């Protein structure tokens, strides 16, 4: 007998419950402690990377360094 996606045996409800949990503090990071890619900076601003936007982000990173990401992350 096939299991429904909601049945506990399927594991789907456990997976859904897992994705609804908040991210633990130990996994959160501001971004300034690691390398920052210009494409990441564009995505953090809520836009899709285009060559023009990636170049703007590259210039901003050159001027401000990894701290440029702080305007998008708390």
C-alpha atoms as a PDB file:
ATOM      1  CA  UNK A   1       0.000   0.000   0.000  1.00  0.00           C
ATOM      2  CA  UNK A   2       1.575   3.378  -1.014  1.00  0.00           C
ATOM      3  CA  UNK A   3       2.254   5.886   1.716  1.00  0.00           C
ATOM      4  CA  UNK A   4       0.830   9.370   1.540  1.00  0.00           C
ATOM      5  CA  UNK A   5       3.307  12.274   1.637  1.00  0.00           C
ATOM      6  CA  UNK A   6       1.863  13.234   5.015  1.00  0.00           C
ATOM      7  CA  UNK A   7       2.318   9.818   6.637  1.00  0.00           C
ATOM      8  CA  UNK A   8       4.940   9.686   9.394  1.00  0.00           C
ATOM      9  CA  UNK A   9       6.565   6.680   7.742  1.00  0.00           C
ATOM     10  CA  UNK A  10       7.459   8.687   4.653  1.00  0.00           C
ATOM     11  CA  UNK A  11       9.625  11.181   6.528  1.00  0.00           C
ATOM     12  CA  UNK A  12       8.126  14.102   4.566  1.00  0.00           C
ATOM     13  CA  UNK A  13       6.532  15.683   7.618  1.00  0.00           C
ATOM     14  CA  UNK A  14       9.832  15.396   9.522  1.00  0.00           C
ATOM     15  CA  UNK A  15      11.640  17.097   6.647  1.00  0.00           C
ATOM     16  CA  UNK A  16       9.079  19.910   6.506  1.00  0.00           C
ATOM     17  CA  UNK A  17       9.286  20.373  10.272  1.00  0.00           C
ATOM     18  CA  UNK A  18      13.082  20.484  10.054  1.00  0.00           C
ATOM     19  CA  UNK A  19      13.069  23.248   7.443  1.00  0.00           C
ATOM     20  CA  UNK A  20      10.702  25.376   9.530  1.00  0.00           C
ATOM     21  CA  UNK A  21      13.084  25.541  12.492  1.00  0.00           C
ATOM     22  CA  UNK A  22      15.081  28.755  12.923  1.00  0.00           C
ATOM     23  CA  UNK A  23      18.765  28.657  12.054  1.00  0.00           C
ATOM     24  CA  UNK A  24      20.884  28.124  15.178  1.00  0.00           C
ATOM     25  CA  UNK A  25      23.049  31.090  16.159  1.00  0.00           C
ATOM     26  CA  UNK A  26      26.218  29.027  15.750  1.00  0.00           C
ATOM     27  CA  UNK A  27      25.460  28.700  12.017  1.00  0.00           C
ATOM     28  CA  UNK A  28      24.673  32.363  11.407  1.00  0.00           C
ATOM     29  CA  UNK A  29      27.404  34.627  10.127  1.00  0.00           C
ATOM     30  CA  UNK A  30      27.585  38.187   8.931  1.00  0.00           C
ATOM     31  CA  UNK A  31      29.757  37.410   5.960  1.00  0.00           C
ATOM     32  CA  UNK A  32      32.632  39.691   6.866  1.00  0.00           C
ATOM     33  CA  UNK A  33      34.587  36.809   8.378  1.00  0.00           C
ATOM     34  CA  UNK A  34      34.946  34.968   5.071  1.00  0.00           C
ATOM     35  CA  UNK A  35      35.615  35.730   1.417  1.00  0.00           C
ATOM     36  CA  UNK A  36      32.900  37.731  -0.311  1.00  0.00           C
ATOM     37  CA  UNK A  37      32.125  37.159  -3.963  1.00  0.00           C
ATOM     38  CA  UNK A  38      30.676  40.049  -6.043  1.00  0.00           C
ATOM     39  CA  UNK A  39      27.874  37.760  -7.235  1.00  0.00           C
ATOM     40  CA  UNK A  40      26.961  37.006  -3.608  1.00  0.00           C
ATOM     41  CA  UNK A  41      26.753  40.719  -2.901  1.00  0.00           C
ATOM     42  CA  UNK A  42      24.372  41.220  -5.827  1.00  0.00           C
ATOM     43  CA  UNK A  43      22.166  38.328  -4.666  1.00  0.00           C
ATOM     44  CA  UNK A  44      22.090  39.696  -1.123  1.00  0.00           C
ATOM     45  CA  UNK A  45      20.693  42.930  -2.510  1.00  0.00           C
ATOM     46  CA  UNK A  46      17.748  40.929  -3.850  1.00  0.00           C
ATOM     47  CA  UNK A  47      18.736  41.193  -7.501  1.00  0.00           C
ATOM     48  CA  UNK A  48      19.788  38.652 -10.094  1.00  0.00           C
ATOM     49  CA  UNK A  49      23.441  38.937 -11.110  1.00  0.00           C
ATOM     50  CA  UNK A  50      24.047  40.602 -14.446  1.00  0.00           C
ATOM     51  CA  UNK A  51      27.479  41.546 -15.777  1.00  0.00           C
ATOM     52  CA  UNK A  52      26.792  45.201 -14.929  1.00  0.00           C
ATOM     53  CA  UNK A  53      25.620  44.516 -11.373  1.00  0.00           C
ATOM     54  CA  UNK A  54      28.493  42.114 -10.713  1.00  0.00           C
ATOM     55  CA  UNK A  55      30.945  44.782 -11.883  1.00  0.00           C
ATOM     56  CA  UNK A  56      29.325  47.362  -9.555  1.00  0.00           C
ATOM     57  CA  UNK A  57      29.598  44.884  -6.688  1.00  0.00           C
ATOM     58  CA  UNK A  58      33.238  44.171  -7.596  1.00  0.00           C
ATOM     59  CA  UNK A  59      34.007  47.902  -7.426  1.00  0.00           C
ATOM     60  CA  UNK A  60      32.172  48.266  -4.117  1.00  0.00           C
ATOM     61  CA  UNK A  61      34.123  45.347  -2.666  1.00  0.00           C
ATOM     62  CA  UNK A  62      37.360  46.916  -3.919  1.00  0.00           C
ATOM     63  CA  UNK A  63      36.485  50.156  -2.113  1.00  0.00           C
ATOM     64  CA  UNK A  64      34.959  48.809   1.096  1.00  0.00           C
ATOM     65  CA  UNK A  65      36.272  45.252   1.286  1.00  0.00           C
ATOM     66  CA  UNK A  66      34.209  42.530   2.968  1.00  0.00           C
ATOM     67  CA  UNK A  67      32.465  45.176   5.100  1.00  0.00           C
ATOM     68  CA  UNK A  68      30.360  46.028   2.019  1.00  0.00           C
ATOM     69  CA  UNK A  69      28.252  42.977   2.785  1.00  0.00           C
ATOM     70  CA  UNK A  70      27.282  44.380   6.201  1.00  0.00           C
ATOM     71  CA  UNK A  71      24.683  46.696   4.665  1.00  0.00           C
ATOM     72  CA  UNK A  72      22.648  43.611   3.685  1.00  0.00           C
ATOM     73  CA  UNK A  73      23.288  41.323   6.637  1.00  0.00           C
ATOM     74  CA  UNK A  74      22.567  42.176  10.266  1.00  0.00           C
END
